[in-house]
């Protein structure tokens, strides 16, 4: 199903759009859900973030090393962990 949305602009120059209630209901989304935006072939894919907890064990030195690395890559530590876990899971397949 393909839908077009109307982009609006705030006085600060930020863009936003409203997702119609019937589409939210069909998707099972509700106000307050975390959404992830991904660029795909000139379009934007929006997904609801599904959180799962994964326990990682690092000593203080390792944690600092990984946090500095994430900072140097201009990504969050969580994004670094997410990417590493995804890469490892894909490697196993």
PDB file of N, CA and C in Angstrom:
ATOM      1  N   UNK A   1       0.843  -1.169   0.000  1.00  0.00           N
ATOM      2  CA  UNK A   1       0.000   0.000   0.000  1.00  0.00           C
ATOM      3  C   UNK A   1       0.892   1.236   0.000  1.00  0.00           C
ATOM      4  N   UNK A   2       0.637   2.143  -0.891  1.00  0.00           N
ATOM      5  CA  UNK A   2       1.437   3.351  -0.998  1.00  0.00           C
ATOM      6  C   UNK A   2       0.572   4.542  -0.615  1.00  0.00           C
ATOM      7  N   UNK A   3       1.092   5.364   0.292  1.00  0.00           N
ATOM      8  CA  UNK A   3       0.379   6.554   0.743  1.00  0.00           C
ATOM      9  C   UNK A   3       1.313   7.737   0.665  1.00  0.00           C
ATOM     10  N   UNK A   4       0.780   8.880   0.351  1.00  0.00           N
ATOM     11  CA  UNK A   4       1.558  10.119   0.383  1.00  0.00           C
ATOM     12  C   UNK A   4       1.129  10.904   1.605  1.00  0.00           C
ATOM     13  N   UNK A   5       2.099  11.611   2.190  1.00  0.00           N
ATOM     14  CA  UNK A   5       1.807  12.439   3.346  1.00  0.00           C
ATOM     15  C   UNK A   5       2.192  13.877   3.044  1.00  0.00           C
ATOM     16  N   UNK A   6       1.547  14.791   3.726  1.00  0.00           N
ATOM     17  CA  UNK A   6       1.823  16.213   3.562  1.00  0.00           C
ATOM     18  C   UNK A   6       2.830  16.631   4.622  1.00  0.00           C
ATOM     19  N   UNK A   7       3.990  17.096   4.180  1.00  0.00           N
ATOM     20  CA  UNK A   7       4.989  17.601   5.108  1.00  0.00           C
ATOM     21  C   UNK A   7       4.657  19.040   5.473  1.00  0.00           C
ATOM     22  N   UNK A   8       4.782  19.337   6.753  1.00  0.00           N
ATOM     23  CA  UNK A   8       4.558  20.692   7.245  1.00  0.00           C
ATOM     24  C   UNK A   8       5.846  21.167   7.900  1.00  0.00           C
ATOM     25  N   UNK A   9       5.973  22.477   8.061  1.00  0.00           N
ATOM     26  CA  UNK A   9       7.190  23.034   8.633  1.00  0.00           C
ATOM     27  C   UNK A   9       6.852  23.884   9.841  1.00  0.00           C
ATOM     28  N   UNK A  10       7.638  23.700  10.913  1.00  0.00           N
ATOM     29  CA  UNK A  10       7.459  24.521  12.105  1.00  0.00           C
ATOM     30  C   UNK A  10       8.133  25.869  11.889  1.00  0.00           C
ATOM     31  N   UNK A  11       7.908  26.780  12.801  1.00  0.00           N
ATOM     32  CA  UNK A  11       8.551  28.098  12.706  1.00  0.00           C
ATOM     33  C   UNK A  11      10.069  27.982  12.864  1.00  0.00           C
ATOM     34  N   UNK A  12      10.540  26.871  13.450  1.00  0.00           N
ATOM     35  CA  UNK A  12      11.984  26.640  13.609  1.00  0.00           C
ATOM     36  C   UNK A  12      12.609  25.981  12.383  1.00  0.00           C
ATOM     37  N   UNK A  13      11.788  25.638  11.407  1.00  0.00           N
ATOM     38  CA  UNK A  13      12.302  25.017  10.199  1.00  0.00           C
ATOM     39  C   UNK A  13      12.321  23.501  10.228  1.00  0.00           C
ATOM     40  N   UNK A  14      11.772  22.900  11.293  1.00  0.00           N
ATOM     41  CA  UNK A  14      11.689  21.439  11.366  1.00  0.00           C
ATOM     42  C   UNK A  14      10.508  20.954  10.536  1.00  0.00           C
ATOM     43  N   UNK A  15      10.678  19.808   9.898  1.00  0.00           N
ATOM     44  CA  UNK A  15       9.586  19.223   9.118  1.00  0.00           C
ATOM     45  C   UNK A  15       8.863  18.164   9.945  1.00  0.00           C
ATOM     46  N   UNK A  16       7.558  18.053   9.738  1.00  0.00           N
ATOM     47  CA  UNK A  16       6.775  17.025  10.415  1.00  0.00           C
ATOM     48  C   UNK A  16       5.584  16.647   9.551  1.00  0.00           C
ATOM     49  N   UNK A  17       4.974  15.521   9.890  1.00  0.00           N
ATOM     50  CA  UNK A  17       3.751  15.089   9.222  1.00  0.00           C
ATOM     51  C   UNK A  17       2.889  14.352  10.228  1.00  0.00           C
ATOM     52  N   UNK A  18       1.614  14.260   9.924  1.00  0.00           N
ATOM     53  CA  UNK A  18       0.667  13.570  10.786  1.00  0.00           C
ATOM     54  C   UNK A  18       0.286  12.248  10.141  1.00  0.00           C
ATOM     55  N   UNK A  19       0.364  11.186  10.925  1.00  0.00           N
ATOM     56  CA  UNK A  19      -0.059   9.873  10.442  1.00  0.00           C
ATOM     57  C   UNK A  19      -1.523   9.712  10.824  1.00  0.00           C
ATOM     58  N   UNK A  20      -2.393   9.491   9.849  1.00  0.00           N
ATOM     59  CA  UNK A  20      -3.828   9.370  10.142  1.00  0.00           C
ATOM     60  C   UNK A  20      -4.126   8.253  11.142  1.00  0.00           C
ATOM     61  N   UNK A  21      -5.137   8.472  11.980  1.00  0.00           N
ATOM     62  CA  UNK A  21      -5.510   7.504  13.017  1.00  0.00           C
ATOM     63  C   UNK A  21      -5.774   6.106  12.463  1.00  0.00           C
ATOM     64  N   UNK A  22      -6.456   6.026  11.310  1.00  0.00           N
ATOM     65  CA  UNK A  22      -6.767   4.704  10.751  1.00  0.00           C
ATOM     66  C   UNK A  22      -5.497   3.961  10.340  1.00  0.00           C
ATOM     67  N   UNK A  23      -4.476   4.692   9.900  1.00  0.00           N
ATOM     68  CA  UNK A  23      -3.212   4.044   9.541  1.00  0.00           C
ATOM     69  C   UNK A  23      -2.471   3.595  10.806  1.00  0.00           C
ATOM     70  N   UNK A  24      -2.491   4.433  11.846  1.00  0.00           N
ATOM     71  CA  UNK A  24      -1.860   4.049  13.112  1.00  0.00           C
ATOM     72  C   UNK A  24      -2.486   2.768  13.651  1.00  0.00           C
ATOM     73  N   UNK A  25      -3.810   2.706  13.589  1.00  0.00           N
ATOM     74  CA  UNK A  25      -4.522   1.531  14.092  1.00  0.00           C
ATOM     75  C   UNK A  25      -4.171   0.292  13.283  1.00  0.00           C
ATOM     76  N   UNK A  26      -4.119   0.429  11.956  1.00  0.00           N
ATOM     77  CA  UNK A  26      -3.791  -0.690  11.084  1.00  0.00           C
ATOM     78  C   UNK A  26      -2.381  -1.209  11.337  1.00  0.00           C
ATOM     79  N   UNK A  27      -1.459  -0.284  11.643  1.00  0.00           N
ATOM     80  CA  UNK A  27      -0.071  -0.654  11.897  1.00  0.00           C
ATOM     81  C   UNK A  27       0.165  -1.148  13.326  1.00  0.00           C
ATOM     82  N   UNK A  28      -0.820  -0.896  14.197  1.00  0.00           N
ATOM     83  CA  UNK A  28      -0.644  -1.260  15.597  1.00  0.00           C
ATOM     84  C   UNK A  28       0.255  -0.288  16.341  1.00  0.00           C
ATOM     85  N   UNK A  29       0.352   0.945  15.831  1.00  0.00           N
ATOM     86  CA  UNK A  29       1.163   1.975  16.457  1.00  0.00           C
ATOM     87  C   UNK A  29       0.272   2.852  17.317  1.00  0.00           C
ATOM     88  N   UNK A  30       0.887   3.456  18.342  1.00  0.00           N
ATOM     89  CA  UNK A  30       0.140   4.414  19.160  1.00  0.00           C
ATOM     90  C   UNK A  30       1.059   5.572  19.521  1.00  0.00           C
ATOM     91  N   UNK A  31       0.467   6.662  19.946  1.00  0.00           N
ATOM     92  CA  UNK A  31       1.252   7.831  20.329  1.00  0.00           C
ATOM     93  C   UNK A  31       2.232   7.440  21.435  1.00  0.00           C
ATOM     94  N   UNK A  32       3.468   7.864  21.277  1.00  0.00           N
ATOM     95  CA  UNK A  32       4.498   7.542  22.253  1.00  0.00           C
ATOM     96  C   UNK A  32       5.406   6.398  21.827  1.00  0.00           C
ATOM     97  N   UNK A  33       4.995   5.621  20.804  1.00  0.00           N
ATOM     98  CA  UNK A  33       5.862   4.558  20.300  1.00  0.00           C
ATOM     99  C   UNK A  33       7.132   5.172  19.719  1.00  0.00           C
ATOM    100  N   UNK A  34       8.241   4.457  19.856  1.00  0.00           N
ATOM    101  CA  UNK A  34       9.492   4.882  19.235  1.00  0.00           C
ATOM    102  C   UNK A  34       9.512   4.389  17.802  1.00  0.00           C
ATOM    103  N   UNK A  35       9.861   5.296  16.894  1.00  0.00           N
ATOM    104  CA  UNK A  35       9.929   4.958  15.482  1.00  0.00           C
ATOM    105  C   UNK A  35      11.345   5.161  14.976  1.00  0.00           C
ATOM    106  N   UNK A  36      11.736   4.352  14.016  1.00  0.00           N
ATOM    107  CA  UNK A  36      13.060   4.452  13.405  1.00  0.00           C
ATOM    108  C   UNK A  36      12.862   4.812  11.940  1.00  0.00           C
ATOM    109  N   UNK A  37      13.612   5.800  11.483  1.00  0.00           N
ATOM    110  CA  UNK A  37      13.518   6.262  10.107  1.00  0.00           C
ATOM    111  C   UNK A  37      14.769   5.812   9.356  1.00  0.00           C
ATOM    112  N   UNK A  38      14.576   5.145   8.217  1.00  0.00           N
ATOM    113  CA  UNK A  38      15.687   4.672   7.404  1.00  0.00           C
ATOM    114  C   UNK A  38      15.498   5.145   5.974  1.00  0.00           C
ATOM    115  N   UNK A  39      16.571   5.657   5.386  1.00  0.00           N
ATOM    116  CA  UNK A  39      16.504   6.069   3.987  1.00  0.00           C
ATOM    117  C   UNK A  39      16.643   4.839   3.104  1.00  0.00           C
ATOM    118  N   UNK A  40      15.745   4.714   2.137  1.00  0.00           N
ATOM    119  CA  UNK A  40      15.765   3.580   1.213  1.00  0.00           C
ATOM    120  C   UNK A  40      15.451   4.074  -0.191  1.00  0.00           C
ATOM    121  N   UNK A  41      16.432   4.067  -1.064  1.00  0.00           N
ATOM    122  CA  UNK A  41      16.224   4.404  -2.481  1.00  0.00           C
ATOM    123  C   UNK A  41      15.463   5.710  -2.673  1.00  0.00           C
ATOM    124  N   UNK A  42      15.855   6.752  -1.953  1.00  0.00           N
ATOM    125  CA  UNK A  42      15.218   8.052  -2.099  1.00  0.00           C
ATOM    126  C   UNK A  42      13.919   8.209  -1.334  1.00  0.00           C
ATOM    127  N   UNK A  43      13.513   7.181  -0.625  1.00  0.00           N
ATOM    128  CA  UNK A  43      12.308   7.239   0.201  1.00  0.00           C
ATOM    129  C   UNK A  43      12.711   7.057   1.659  1.00  0.00           C
ATOM    130  N   UNK A  44      11.749   7.226   2.541  1.00  0.00           N
ATOM    131  CA  UNK A  44      12.004   7.027   3.966  1.00  0.00           C
ATOM    132  C   UNK A  44      11.122   5.884   4.457  1.00  0.00           C
ATOM    133  N   UNK A  45      11.758   4.889   5.055  1.00  0.00           N
ATOM    134  CA  UNK A  45      11.055   3.758   5.645  1.00  0.00           C
ATOM    135  C   UNK A  45      10.913   4.037   7.137  1.00  0.00           C
ATOM    136  N   UNK A  46       9.717   3.887   7.672  1.00  0.00           N
ATOM    137  CA  UNK A  46       9.469   4.120   9.095  1.00  0.00           C
ATOM    138  C   UNK A  46       9.081   2.788   9.719  1.00  0.00           C
ATOM    139  N   UNK A  47       9.788   2.446  10.795  1.00  0.00           N
ATOM    140  CA  UNK A  47       9.494   1.201  11.504  1.00  0.00           C
ATOM    141  C   UNK A  47       9.293   1.496  12.981  1.00  0.00           C
ATOM    142  N   UNK A  48       8.410   0.734  13.593  1.00  0.00           N
ATOM    143  CA  UNK A  48       8.259   0.803  15.034  1.00  0.00           C
ATOM    144  C   UNK A  48       9.433   0.060  15.655  1.00  0.00           C
ATOM    145  N   UNK A  49      10.063   0.671  16.628  1.00  0.00           N
ATOM    146  CA  UNK A  49      11.202   0.056  17.298  1.00  0.00           C
ATOM    147  C   UNK A  49      10.686  -0.967  18.289  1.00  0.00           C
ATOM    148  N   UNK A  50      11.190  -2.172  18.165  1.00  0.00           N
ATOM    149  CA  UNK A  50      10.836  -3.236  19.102  1.00  0.00           C
ATOM    150  C   UNK A  50      12.053  -3.487  19.968  1.00  0.00           C
ATOM    151  N   UNK A  51      11.926  -3.182  21.229  1.00  0.00           N
ATOM    152  CA  UNK A  51      13.058  -3.299  22.135  1.00  0.00           C
ATOM    153  C   UNK A  51      13.158  -4.690  22.731  1.00  0.00           C
ATOM    154  N   UNK A  52      14.364  -5.170  22.773  1.00  0.00           N
ATOM    155  CA  UNK A  52      14.677  -6.381  23.505  1.00  0.00           C
ATOM    156  C   UNK A  52      15.942  -6.092  24.289  1.00  0.00           C
ATOM    157  N   UNK A  53      16.015  -6.615  25.460  1.00  0.00           N
ATOM    158  CA  UNK A  53      17.191  -6.384  26.292  1.00  0.00           C
ATOM    159  C   UNK A  53      18.230  -7.455  26.036  1.00  0.00           C
ATOM    160  N   UNK A  54      19.457  -6.999  25.907  1.00  0.00           N
ATOM    161  CA  UNK A  54      20.595  -7.892  25.771  1.00  0.00           C
ATOM    162  C   UNK A  54      21.621  -7.440  26.794  1.00  0.00           C
ATOM    163  N   UNK A  55      22.041  -8.339  27.630  1.00  0.00           N
ATOM    164  CA  UNK A  55      23.014  -8.013  28.673  1.00  0.00           C
ATOM    165  C   UNK A  55      24.415  -8.142  28.084  1.00  0.00           C
ATOM    166  N   UNK A  56      25.180  -7.063  28.151  1.00  0.00           N
ATOM    167  CA  UNK A  56      26.565  -7.064  27.697  1.00  0.00           C
ATOM    168  C   UNK A  56      27.462  -6.840  28.906  1.00  0.00           C
ATOM    169  N   UNK A  57      28.533  -7.563  28.963  1.00  0.00           N
ATOM    170  CA  UNK A  57      29.438  -7.410  30.100  1.00  0.00           C
ATOM    171  C   UNK A  57      30.773  -6.865  29.615  1.00  0.00           C
ATOM    172  N   UNK A  58      31.100  -5.650  30.069  1.00  0.00           N
ATOM    173  CA  UNK A  58      32.373  -5.014  29.777  1.00  0.00           C
ATOM    174  C   UNK A  58      32.976  -4.549  31.088  1.00  0.00           C
ATOM    175  N   UNK A  59      34.293  -4.620  31.176  1.00  0.00           N
ATOM    176  CA  UNK A  59      34.903  -3.960  32.321  1.00  0.00           C
ATOM    177  C   UNK A  59      34.986  -2.465  31.991  1.00  0.00           C
ATOM    178  N   UNK A  60      35.366  -1.646  32.953  1.00  0.00           N
ATOM    179  CA  UNK A  60      35.363  -0.192  32.760  1.00  0.00           C
ATOM    180  C   UNK A  60      36.250   0.246  31.597  1.00  0.00           C
ATOM    181  N   UNK A  61      37.400  -0.392  31.445  1.00  0.00           N
ATOM    182  CA  UNK A  61      38.332  -0.022  30.372  1.00  0.00           C
ATOM    183  C   UNK A  61      37.731  -0.346  29.004  1.00  0.00           C
ATOM    184  N   UNK A  62      37.129  -1.528  28.866  1.00  0.00           N
ATOM    185  CA  UNK A  62      36.494  -1.909  27.602  1.00  0.00           C
ATOM    186  C   UNK A  62      35.337  -0.971  27.272  1.00  0.00           C
ATOM    187  N   UNK A  63      34.520  -0.689  28.272  1.00  0.00           N
ATOM    188  CA  UNK A  63      33.375   0.191  28.060  1.00  0.00           C
ATOM    189  C   UNK A  63      33.831   1.550  27.568  1.00  0.00           C
ATOM    190  N   UNK A  64      34.843   2.125  28.201  1.00  0.00           N
ATOM    191  CA  UNK A  64      35.359   3.426  27.784  1.00  0.00           C
ATOM    192  C   UNK A  64      35.892   3.367  26.358  1.00  0.00           C
ATOM    193  N   UNK A  65      36.605   2.306  26.030  1.00  0.00           N
ATOM    194  CA  UNK A  65      37.147   2.151  24.671  1.00  0.00           C
ATOM    195  C   UNK A  65      36.027   2.143  23.634  1.00  0.00           C
ATOM    196  N   UNK A  66      34.982   1.354  23.893  1.00  0.00           N
ATOM    197  CA  UNK A  66      33.867   1.275  22.943  1.00  0.00           C
ATOM    198  C   UNK A  66      33.078   2.578  22.872  1.00  0.00           C
ATOM    199  N   UNK A  67      32.925   3.257  23.985  1.00  0.00           N
ATOM    200  CA  UNK A  67      32.195   4.529  23.985  1.00  0.00           C
ATOM    201  C   UNK A  67      32.970   5.595  23.204  1.00  0.00           C
ATOM    202  N   UNK A  68      34.285   5.613  23.360  1.00  0.00           N
ATOM    203  CA  UNK A  68      35.111   6.559  22.598  1.00  0.00           C
ATOM    204  C   UNK A  68      35.027   6.236  21.110  1.00  0.00           C
ATOM    205  N   UNK A  69      35.093   4.953  20.775  1.00  0.00           N
ATOM    206  CA  UNK A  69      34.983   4.549  19.372  1.00  0.00           C
ATOM    207  C   UNK A  69      33.646   4.990  18.774  1.00  0.00           C
ATOM    208  N   UNK A  70      32.558   4.765  19.499  1.00  0.00           N
ATOM    209  CA  UNK A  70      31.237   5.186  19.020  1.00  0.00           C
ATOM    210  C   UNK A  70      31.216   6.694  18.804  1.00  0.00           C
ATOM    211  N   UNK A  71      31.773   7.439  19.725  1.00  0.00           N
ATOM    212  CA  UNK A  71      31.827   8.899  19.601  1.00  0.00           C
ATOM    213  C   UNK A  71      32.607   9.304  18.343  1.00  0.00           C
ATOM    214  N   UNK A  72      33.744   8.649  18.114  1.00  0.00           N
ATOM    215  CA  UNK A  72      34.557   8.952  16.927  1.00  0.00           C
ATOM    216  C   UNK A  72      33.811   8.627  15.635  1.00  0.00           C
ATOM    217  N   UNK A  73      32.917   7.635  15.684  1.00  0.00           N
ATOM    218  CA  UNK A  73      32.117   7.257  14.513  1.00  0.00           C
ATOM    219  C   UNK A  73      30.855   8.114  14.381  1.00  0.00           C
ATOM    220  N   UNK A  74      30.652   9.016  15.351  1.00  0.00           N
ATOM    221  CA  UNK A  74      29.477   9.899  15.388  1.00  0.00           C
ATOM    222  C   UNK A  74      28.172   9.103  15.481  1.00  0.00           C
ATOM    223  N   UNK A  75      28.217   8.020  16.282  1.00  0.00           N
ATOM    224  CA  UNK A  75      27.021   7.229  16.552  1.00  0.00           C
ATOM    225  C   UNK A  75      26.918   7.036  18.064  1.00  0.00           C
ATOM    226  N   UNK A  76      25.752   6.639  18.511  1.00  0.00           N
ATOM    227  CA  UNK A  76      25.582   6.378  19.939  1.00  0.00           C
ATOM    228  C   UNK A  76      26.194   5.029  20.286  1.00  0.00           C
ATOM    229  N   UNK A  77      26.470   4.847  21.558  1.00  0.00           N
ATOM    230  CA  UNK A  77      26.978   3.559  22.031  1.00  0.00           C
ATOM    231  C   UNK A  77      25.950   2.461  21.749  1.00  0.00           C
ATOM    232  N   UNK A  78      24.664   2.778  21.946  1.00  0.00           N
ATOM    233  CA  UNK A  78      23.610   1.795  21.667  1.00  0.00           C
ATOM    234  C   UNK A  78      23.615   1.382  20.197  1.00  0.00           C
ATOM    235  N   UNK A  79      23.812   2.352  19.295  1.00  0.00           N
ATOM    236  CA  UNK A  79      23.850   2.055  17.863  1.00  0.00           C
ATOM    237  C   UNK A  79      25.055   1.171  17.545  1.00  0.00           C
ATOM    238  N   UNK A  80      26.193   1.455  18.174  1.00  0.00           N
ATOM    239  CA  UNK A  80      27.385   0.629  17.982  1.00  0.00           C
ATOM    240  C   UNK A  80      27.104  -0.816  18.396  1.00  0.00           C
ATOM    241  N   UNK A  81      26.489  -0.995  19.561  1.00  0.00           N
ATOM    242  CA  UNK A  81      26.155  -2.344  20.042  1.00  0.00           C
ATOM    243  C   UNK A  81      25.160  -3.021  19.116  1.00  0.00           C
ATOM    244  N   UNK A  82      24.134  -2.278  18.701  1.00  0.00           N
ATOM    245  CA  UNK A  82      23.120  -2.832  17.797  1.00  0.00           C
ATOM    246  C   UNK A  82      23.757  -3.306  16.497  1.00  0.00           C
ATOM    247  N   UNK A  83      24.621  -2.473  15.915  1.00  0.00           N
ATOM    248  CA  UNK A  83      25.278  -2.838  14.656  1.00  0.00           C
ATOM    249  C   UNK A  83      26.171  -4.064  14.831  1.00  0.00           C
ATOM    250  N   UNK A  84      26.905  -4.129  15.942  1.00  0.00           N
ATOM    251  CA  UNK A  84      27.808  -5.257  16.193  1.00  0.00           C
ATOM    252  C   UNK A  84      27.018  -6.554  16.365  1.00  0.00           C
ATOM    253  N   UNK A  85      25.913  -6.485  17.090  1.00  0.00           N
ATOM    254  CA  UNK A  85      25.087  -7.686  17.305  1.00  0.00           C
ATOM    255  C   UNK A  85      24.468  -8.141  15.987  1.00  0.00           C
ATOM    256  N   UNK A  86      23.943  -7.191  15.194  1.00  0.00           N
ATOM    257  CA  UNK A  86      23.357  -7.544  13.891  1.00  0.00           C
ATOM    258  C   UNK A  86      24.404  -8.196  12.989  1.00  0.00           C
ATOM    259  N   UNK A  87      25.610  -7.625  12.953  1.00  0.00           N
ATOM    260  CA  UNK A  87      26.674  -8.167  12.120  1.00  0.00           C
ATOM    261  C   UNK A  87      27.023  -9.587  12.554  1.00  0.00           C
ATOM    262  N   UNK A  88      27.101  -9.818  13.843  1.00  0.00           N
ATOM    263  CA  UNK A  88      27.431 -11.154  14.344  1.00  0.00           C
ATOM    264  C   UNK A  88      26.326 -12.162  14.004  1.00  0.00           C
ATOM    265  N   UNK A  89      25.068 -11.742  14.149  1.00  0.00           N
ATOM    266  CA  UNK A  89      23.957 -12.637  13.818  1.00  0.00           C
ATOM    267  C   UNK A  89      23.935 -12.965  12.335  1.00  0.00           C
ATOM    268  N   UNK A  90      24.203 -11.977  11.487  1.00  0.00           N
ATOM    269  CA  UNK A  90      24.230 -12.211  10.045  1.00  0.00           C
ATOM    270  C   UNK A  90      25.402 -13.123   9.661  1.00  0.00           C
ATOM    271  N   UNK A  91      26.509 -12.977  10.385  1.00  0.00           N
ATOM    272  CA  UNK A  91      27.698 -13.786  10.136  1.00  0.00           C
ATOM    273  C   UNK A  91      27.445 -15.257  10.437  1.00  0.00           C
ATOM    274  N   UNK A  92      26.573 -15.524  11.411  1.00  0.00           N
ATOM    275  CA  UNK A  92      26.270 -16.918  11.785  1.00  0.00           C
ATOM    276  C   UNK A  92      25.416 -17.626  10.747  1.00  0.00           C
ATOM    277  N   UNK A  93      24.626 -16.858   9.990  1.00  0.00           N
ATOM    278  CA  UNK A  93      23.718 -17.464   8.987  1.00  0.00           C
ATOM    279  C   UNK A  93      24.452 -17.912   7.799  1.00  0.00           C
TER     280      UNK A  93
END
